[in-house]
Amino acid sequence: QVQLVESGGGLVQAGGSLRLSCAASRSIFSIDEMGWYRQAPGKQRELVARVTSGGSTNYADSVKGRFTISRDNAKKTVYLQMNNLKPEDTAVYYCNAMYYSGNYHVYWGQGTQVTVSS
């Protein structure tokens, strides 16, 4: 079991920055993949960025060059640094953890609201 708690969301003007944090209830060293997803009103949840246990990352095309995901295994925390925010980044952002141990285990946080005003 892994419990995930997001923080750092809020209201920001276009062009501004926010850093989201996702704190895990246990060590994330062995978690294969941690990521950030978002869901805007009336839209499906989509991948924003993810980072593997080996440090490999990938990003949605819409955030490349603006967002950076990182993981600090010692602090059991994953971060999403969001720069040059746009109104279309407005959504609830969810932290995700996935690992394989006989079968896939997937966990979600409760979400944090990010609102970007124009």
N, C-alpha and C. Protein backbone atom coordinates (compact mmCIF):
# COMPACT_ATOMS: atom_id res chain seq x y z
N GLN A 1 0.84 -1.21 0.00
CA GLN A 1 0.00 0.00 0.00
C GLN A 1 0.87 1.24 0.00
N VAL A 2 0.43 2.22 -0.76
CA VAL A 2 1.12 3.52 -0.79
C VAL A 2 0.05 4.59 -0.73
N GLN A 3 0.18 5.49 0.23
CA GLN A 3 -0.70 6.65 0.27
C GLN A 3 0.07 7.85 -0.26
N LEU A 4 -0.61 8.63 -1.08
CA LEU A 4 0.02 9.77 -1.74
C LEU A 4 -0.75 11.04 -1.37
N VAL A 5 -0.01 12.06 -0.99
CA VAL A 5 -0.64 13.33 -0.61
C VAL A 5 0.01 14.46 -1.42
N GLU A 6 -0.82 15.10 -2.25
CA GLU A 6 -0.33 16.21 -3.06
C GLU A 6 -0.47 17.53 -2.33
N SER A 7 0.36 18.47 -2.69
CA SER A 7 0.27 19.83 -2.16
C SER A 7 0.92 20.77 -3.17
N GLY A 8 0.67 22.07 -2.98
CA GLY A 8 1.32 23.07 -3.81
C GLY A 8 0.44 23.70 -4.87
N GLY A 9 -0.78 23.22 -5.00
CA GLY A 9 -1.67 23.81 -5.99
C GLY A 9 -2.12 25.20 -5.54
N GLY A 10 -2.81 25.88 -6.46
CA GLY A 10 -3.30 27.20 -6.12
C GLY A 10 -3.68 27.99 -7.34
N LEU A 11 -3.87 29.29 -7.14
CA LEU A 11 -4.24 30.21 -8.21
C LEU A 11 -3.01 31.04 -8.59
N VAL A 12 -2.73 31.10 -9.89
CA VAL A 12 -1.57 31.84 -10.37
C VAL A 12 -1.93 32.50 -11.69
N GLN A 13 -1.29 33.60 -11.98
CA GLN A 13 -1.52 34.28 -13.25
C GLN A 13 -0.74 33.59 -14.37
N ALA A 14 -1.22 33.74 -15.57
CA ALA A 14 -0.51 33.19 -16.72
C ALA A 14 0.92 33.70 -16.74
N GLY A 15 1.84 32.79 -17.05
CA GLY A 15 3.26 33.12 -17.03
C GLY A 15 3.94 32.83 -15.70
N GLY A 16 3.15 32.56 -14.69
CA GLY A 16 3.69 32.29 -13.37
C GLY A 16 4.14 30.85 -13.20
N SER A 17 4.56 30.53 -11.98
CA SER A 17 5.10 29.21 -11.67
C SER A 17 4.47 28.65 -10.41
N LEU A 18 4.43 27.33 -10.35
CA LEU A 18 4.03 26.60 -9.15
C LEU A 18 4.88 25.34 -9.06
N ARG A 19 5.07 24.86 -7.85
CA ARG A 19 5.72 23.56 -7.67
C ARG A 19 4.79 22.66 -6.86
N LEU A 20 4.41 21.57 -7.47
CA LEU A 20 3.60 20.57 -6.79
C LEU A 20 4.49 19.54 -6.12
N SER A 21 4.04 19.06 -4.97
CA SER A 21 4.74 18.00 -4.26
C SER A 21 3.81 16.83 -4.03
N CYS A 22 4.36 15.65 -4.05
CA CYS A 22 3.60 14.44 -3.77
C CYS A 22 4.39 13.63 -2.76
N ALA A 23 3.89 13.58 -1.54
CA ALA A 23 4.56 12.85 -0.47
C ALA A 23 3.97 11.46 -0.33
N ALA A 24 4.84 10.47 -0.32
CA ALA A 24 4.40 9.07 -0.20
C ALA A 24 4.51 8.60 1.24
N SER A 25 3.67 7.63 1.58
CA SER A 25 3.63 7.13 2.96
C SER A 25 4.75 6.14 3.27
N ARG A 26 5.42 5.67 2.22
CA ARG A 26 6.54 4.76 2.44
C ARG A 26 7.60 5.01 1.39
N SER A 27 8.70 4.31 1.48
CA SER A 27 9.79 4.49 0.54
C SER A 27 9.32 4.34 -0.89
N ILE A 28 9.81 5.23 -1.76
CA ILE A 28 9.47 5.14 -3.18
C ILE A 28 10.63 4.58 -3.99
N PHE A 29 11.67 4.13 -3.29
CA PHE A 29 12.86 3.64 -3.99
C PHE A 29 12.51 2.53 -4.97
N SER A 30 11.62 1.64 -4.56
CA SER A 30 11.31 0.48 -5.38
C SER A 30 10.09 0.68 -6.26
N ILE A 31 9.52 1.86 -6.23
CA ILE A 31 8.34 2.12 -7.07
C ILE A 31 8.81 2.38 -8.49
N ASP A 32 8.30 1.57 -9.41
CA ASP A 32 8.81 1.59 -10.79
C ASP A 32 8.58 2.94 -11.48
N GLU A 33 7.44 3.50 -11.22
CA GLU A 33 7.09 4.71 -11.95
C GLU A 33 6.22 5.61 -11.08
N MET A 34 6.55 6.88 -11.07
CA MET A 34 5.71 7.86 -10.41
C MET A 34 5.42 8.97 -11.41
N GLY A 35 4.20 9.48 -11.34
CA GLY A 35 3.83 10.45 -12.33
C GLY A 35 2.80 11.44 -11.85
N TRP A 36 2.58 12.42 -12.71
CA TRP A 36 1.55 13.44 -12.48
C TRP A 36 0.58 13.37 -13.66
N TYR A 37 -0.69 13.36 -13.32
CA TYR A 37 -1.75 13.40 -14.31
C TYR A 37 -2.63 14.60 -13.97
N ARG A 38 -3.43 15.01 -14.93
CA ARG A 38 -4.36 16.11 -14.66
C ARG A 38 -5.69 15.85 -15.35
N GLN A 39 -6.71 16.47 -14.78
CA GLN A 39 -8.05 16.35 -15.35
C GLN A 39 -8.74 17.69 -15.28
N ALA A 40 -9.05 18.22 -16.44
CA ALA A 40 -9.79 19.47 -16.54
C ALA A 40 -11.28 19.17 -16.61
N PRO A 41 -12.13 20.12 -16.25
CA PRO A 41 -13.58 19.87 -16.28
C PRO A 41 -14.04 19.41 -17.66
N GLY A 42 -14.79 18.34 -17.68
CA GLY A 42 -15.33 17.83 -18.92
C GLY A 42 -14.34 17.07 -19.79
N LYS A 43 -13.14 16.87 -19.28
CA LYS A 43 -12.12 16.16 -20.06
C LYS A 43 -11.63 14.92 -19.33
N GLN A 44 -10.99 14.04 -20.08
CA GLN A 44 -10.44 12.84 -19.48
C GLN A 44 -9.12 13.15 -18.76
N ARG A 45 -8.80 12.31 -17.81
CA ARG A 45 -7.53 12.45 -17.12
C ARG A 45 -6.40 12.13 -18.11
N GLU A 46 -5.36 12.95 -18.08
CA GLU A 46 -4.26 12.76 -19.02
C GLU A 46 -2.92 12.80 -18.30
N LEU A 47 -1.96 12.10 -18.89
CA LEU A 47 -0.61 12.11 -18.35
C LEU A 47 0.03 13.48 -18.57
N VAL A 48 0.68 13.98 -17.53
CA VAL A 48 1.45 15.22 -17.66
C VAL A 48 2.94 14.88 -17.75
N ALA A 49 3.41 14.08 -16.78
CA ALA A 49 4.83 13.72 -16.75
C ALA A 49 4.99 12.50 -15.85
N ARG A 50 6.02 11.71 -16.13
CA ARG A 50 6.31 10.57 -15.27
C ARG A 50 7.82 10.35 -15.21
N VAL A 51 8.23 9.71 -14.12
CA VAL A 51 9.65 9.43 -13.92
C VAL A 51 9.78 8.00 -13.40
N THR A 52 10.71 7.27 -13.97
CA THR A 52 10.91 5.88 -13.57
C THR A 52 11.89 5.80 -12.39
N SER A 53 12.01 4.60 -11.84
CA SER A 53 12.95 4.40 -10.74
C SER A 53 14.39 4.64 -11.19
N GLY A 54 14.63 4.49 -12.50
CA GLY A 54 15.96 4.73 -13.03
C GLY A 54 16.22 6.18 -13.40
N GLY A 55 15.19 7.01 -13.25
CA GLY A 55 15.37 8.42 -13.52
C GLY A 55 14.94 8.88 -14.91
N SER A 56 14.46 7.96 -15.73
CA SER A 56 13.98 8.35 -17.05
C SER A 56 12.67 9.11 -16.92
N THR A 57 12.52 10.12 -17.77
CA THR A 57 11.31 10.94 -17.71
C THR A 57 10.65 11.03 -19.08
N ASN A 58 9.36 11.26 -19.07
CA ASN A 58 8.71 11.67 -20.30
C ASN A 58 7.55 12.60 -19.97
N TYR A 59 7.22 13.43 -20.95
CA TYR A 59 6.29 14.52 -20.75
C TYR A 59 5.25 14.55 -21.87
N ALA A 60 4.09 15.08 -21.53
CA ALA A 60 3.11 15.38 -22.55
C ALA A 60 3.68 16.50 -23.43
N ASP A 61 3.35 16.44 -24.71
CA ASP A 61 3.88 17.47 -25.63
C ASP A 61 3.50 18.88 -25.18
N SER A 62 2.32 19.01 -24.60
CA SER A 62 1.82 20.34 -24.23
C SER A 62 2.61 20.99 -23.09
N VAL A 63 3.41 20.20 -22.36
CA VAL A 63 4.15 20.77 -21.22
C VAL A 63 5.66 20.70 -21.40
N LYS A 64 6.11 20.09 -22.46
CA LYS A 64 7.55 19.98 -22.69
C LYS A 64 8.21 21.35 -22.72
N GLY A 65 9.33 21.46 -22.01
CA GLY A 65 10.04 22.73 -21.96
C GLY A 65 9.53 23.68 -20.90
N ARG A 66 8.39 23.36 -20.30
CA ARG A 66 7.81 24.22 -19.25
C ARG A 66 7.76 23.52 -17.89
N PHE A 67 7.50 22.22 -17.89
CA PHE A 67 7.35 21.45 -16.65
C PHE A 67 8.55 20.52 -16.48
N THR A 68 8.90 20.29 -15.21
CA THR A 68 9.98 19.36 -14.89
C THR A 68 9.55 18.47 -13.73
N ILE A 69 9.64 17.16 -13.94
CA ILE A 69 9.34 16.22 -12.88
C ILE A 69 10.64 15.72 -12.26
N SER A 70 10.61 15.51 -10.95
CA SER A 70 11.78 14.97 -10.27
C SER A 70 11.33 14.15 -9.07
N ARG A 71 12.18 13.24 -8.66
CA ARG A 71 11.85 12.42 -7.49
C ARG A 71 13.02 12.43 -6.52
N ASP A 72 12.70 12.55 -5.25
CA ASP A 72 13.69 12.52 -4.18
C ASP A 72 13.38 11.30 -3.33
N ASN A 73 14.10 10.22 -3.57
CA ASN A 73 13.81 8.97 -2.87
C ASN A 73 14.02 9.11 -1.36
N ALA A 74 15.00 9.89 -0.97
CA ALA A 74 15.27 10.06 0.47
C ALA A 74 14.11 10.73 1.18
N LYS A 75 13.45 11.66 0.48
CA LYS A 75 12.32 12.37 1.09
C LYS A 75 10.98 11.72 0.74
N LYS A 76 11.02 10.65 -0.03
CA LYS A 76 9.79 9.94 -0.44
C LYS A 76 8.84 10.90 -1.14
N THR A 77 9.37 11.76 -1.98
CA THR A 77 8.57 12.82 -2.58
C THR A 77 8.88 12.97 -4.06
N VAL A 78 7.84 13.25 -4.81
CA VAL A 78 7.97 13.56 -6.22
C VAL A 78 7.48 14.99 -6.43
N TYR A 79 8.18 15.71 -7.29
CA TYR A 79 7.85 17.12 -7.52
C TYR A 79 7.47 17.34 -8.98
N LEU A 80 6.69 18.37 -9.19
CA LEU A 80 6.41 18.84 -10.54
C LEU A 80 6.59 20.36 -10.53
N GLN A 81 7.68 20.80 -11.13
CA GLN A 81 7.92 22.23 -11.27
C GLN A 81 7.25 22.71 -12.54
N MET A 82 6.36 23.66 -12.41
CA MET A 82 5.58 24.15 -13.55
C MET A 82 5.90 25.62 -13.76
N ASN A 83 6.48 25.92 -14.91
CA ASN A 83 6.83 27.30 -15.26
C ASN A 83 6.03 27.76 -16.46
N ASN A 84 5.97 29.06 -16.63
CA ASN A 84 5.26 29.65 -17.78
C ASN A 84 3.86 29.04 -17.92
N LEU A 85 3.14 29.05 -16.84
CA LEU A 85 1.82 28.43 -16.83
C LEU A 85 0.85 29.15 -17.75
N LYS A 86 -0.05 28.37 -18.33
CA LYS A 86 -1.04 28.89 -19.26
C LYS A 86 -2.43 28.57 -18.74
N PRO A 87 -3.44 29.33 -19.15
CA PRO A 87 -4.81 29.03 -18.69
C PRO A 87 -5.23 27.59 -18.99
N GLU A 88 -4.74 27.03 -20.08
CA GLU A 88 -5.10 25.66 -20.43
C GLU A 88 -4.46 24.62 -19.53
N ASP A 89 -3.57 25.05 -18.63
CA ASP A 89 -3.02 24.13 -17.63
C ASP A 89 -3.95 23.98 -16.42
N THR A 90 -5.00 24.76 -16.39
CA THR A 90 -5.96 24.67 -15.29
C THR A 90 -6.59 23.28 -15.23
N ALA A 91 -6.48 22.64 -14.06
CA ALA A 91 -6.98 21.28 -13.89
C ALA A 91 -6.73 20.85 -12.45
N VAL A 92 -7.29 19.70 -12.12
CA VAL A 92 -6.91 19.02 -10.88
C VAL A 92 -5.74 18.11 -11.22
N TYR A 93 -4.67 18.23 -10.48
CA TYR A 93 -3.46 17.45 -10.72
C TYR A 93 -3.38 16.31 -9.71
N TYR A 94 -3.15 15.12 -10.24
CA TYR A 94 -3.11 13.92 -9.41
C TYR A 94 -1.73 13.26 -9.47
N CYS A 95 -1.27 12.82 -8.32
CA CYS A 95 -0.04 12.05 -8.26
C CYS A 95 -0.37 10.57 -8.41
N ASN A 96 0.52 9.85 -9.05
CA ASN A 96 0.31 8.43 -9.34
C ASN A 96 1.58 7.65 -9.03
N ALA A 97 1.40 6.47 -8.47
CA ALA A 97 2.53 5.57 -8.23
C ALA A 97 2.17 4.19 -8.76
N MET A 98 3.12 3.56 -9.43
CA MET A 98 2.87 2.24 -10.00
C MET A 98 4.10 1.36 -9.81
N TYR A 99 3.88 0.14 -9.35
CA TYR A 99 4.99 -0.81 -9.30
C TYR A 99 4.45 -2.20 -9.58
N TYR A 100 5.38 -3.05 -9.98
CA TYR A 100 5.03 -4.42 -10.33
C TYR A 100 5.62 -5.36 -9.28
N SER A 101 4.73 -6.18 -8.70
CA SER A 101 5.16 -7.19 -7.74
C SER A 101 4.21 -8.36 -7.87
N GLY A 102 4.43 -9.16 -8.89
CA GLY A 102 3.52 -10.25 -9.19
C GLY A 102 2.37 -9.77 -10.07
N ASN A 103 1.89 -8.62 -9.79
CA ASN A 103 0.90 -7.93 -10.63
C ASN A 103 1.12 -6.43 -10.44
N TYR A 104 0.42 -5.64 -11.24
CA TYR A 104 0.63 -4.20 -11.15
C TYR A 104 -0.17 -3.62 -9.99
N HIS A 105 0.48 -2.74 -9.26
CA HIS A 105 -0.16 -2.00 -8.18
C HIS A 105 -0.15 -0.52 -8.57
N VAL A 106 -1.32 0.09 -8.53
CA VAL A 106 -1.46 1.49 -8.94
C VAL A 106 -2.15 2.27 -7.84
N TYR A 107 -1.59 3.42 -7.50
CA TYR A 107 -2.15 4.24 -6.43
C TYR A 107 -2.27 5.69 -6.89
N TRP A 108 -3.28 6.38 -6.35
CA TRP A 108 -3.55 7.77 -6.71
C TRP A 108 -3.66 8.62 -5.45
N GLY A 109 -3.25 9.88 -5.59
CA GLY A 109 -3.50 10.84 -4.54
C GLY A 109 -4.90 11.43 -4.71
N GLN A 110 -5.24 12.36 -3.82
CA GLN A 110 -6.59 12.93 -3.84
C GLN A 110 -6.71 14.09 -4.80
N GLY A 111 -5.59 14.60 -5.28
CA GLY A 111 -5.61 15.69 -6.26
C GLY A 111 -5.42 17.06 -5.63
N THR A 112 -4.87 17.96 -6.41
CA THR A 112 -4.70 19.35 -5.98
C THR A 112 -5.07 20.26 -7.15
N GLN A 113 -5.83 21.28 -6.86
CA GLN A 113 -6.34 22.17 -7.91
C GLN A 113 -5.28 23.19 -8.32
N VAL A 114 -5.10 23.32 -9.62
CA VAL A 114 -4.26 24.38 -10.19
C VAL A 114 -5.14 25.22 -11.10
N THR A 115 -5.18 26.50 -10.84
CA THR A 115 -5.97 27.42 -11.64
C THR A 115 -5.07 28.53 -12.15
N VAL A 116 -5.05 28.70 -13.47
CA VAL A 116 -4.22 29.72 -14.10
C VAL A 116 -5.14 30.76 -14.73
N SER A 117 -5.03 31.99 -14.27
CA SER A 117 -5.88 33.06 -14.79
C SER A 117 -5.16 33.79 -15.93
N SER A 118 -5.96 34.27 -16.87
CA SER A 118 -5.37 34.95 -18.04
C SER A 118 -5.21 36.44 -17.78
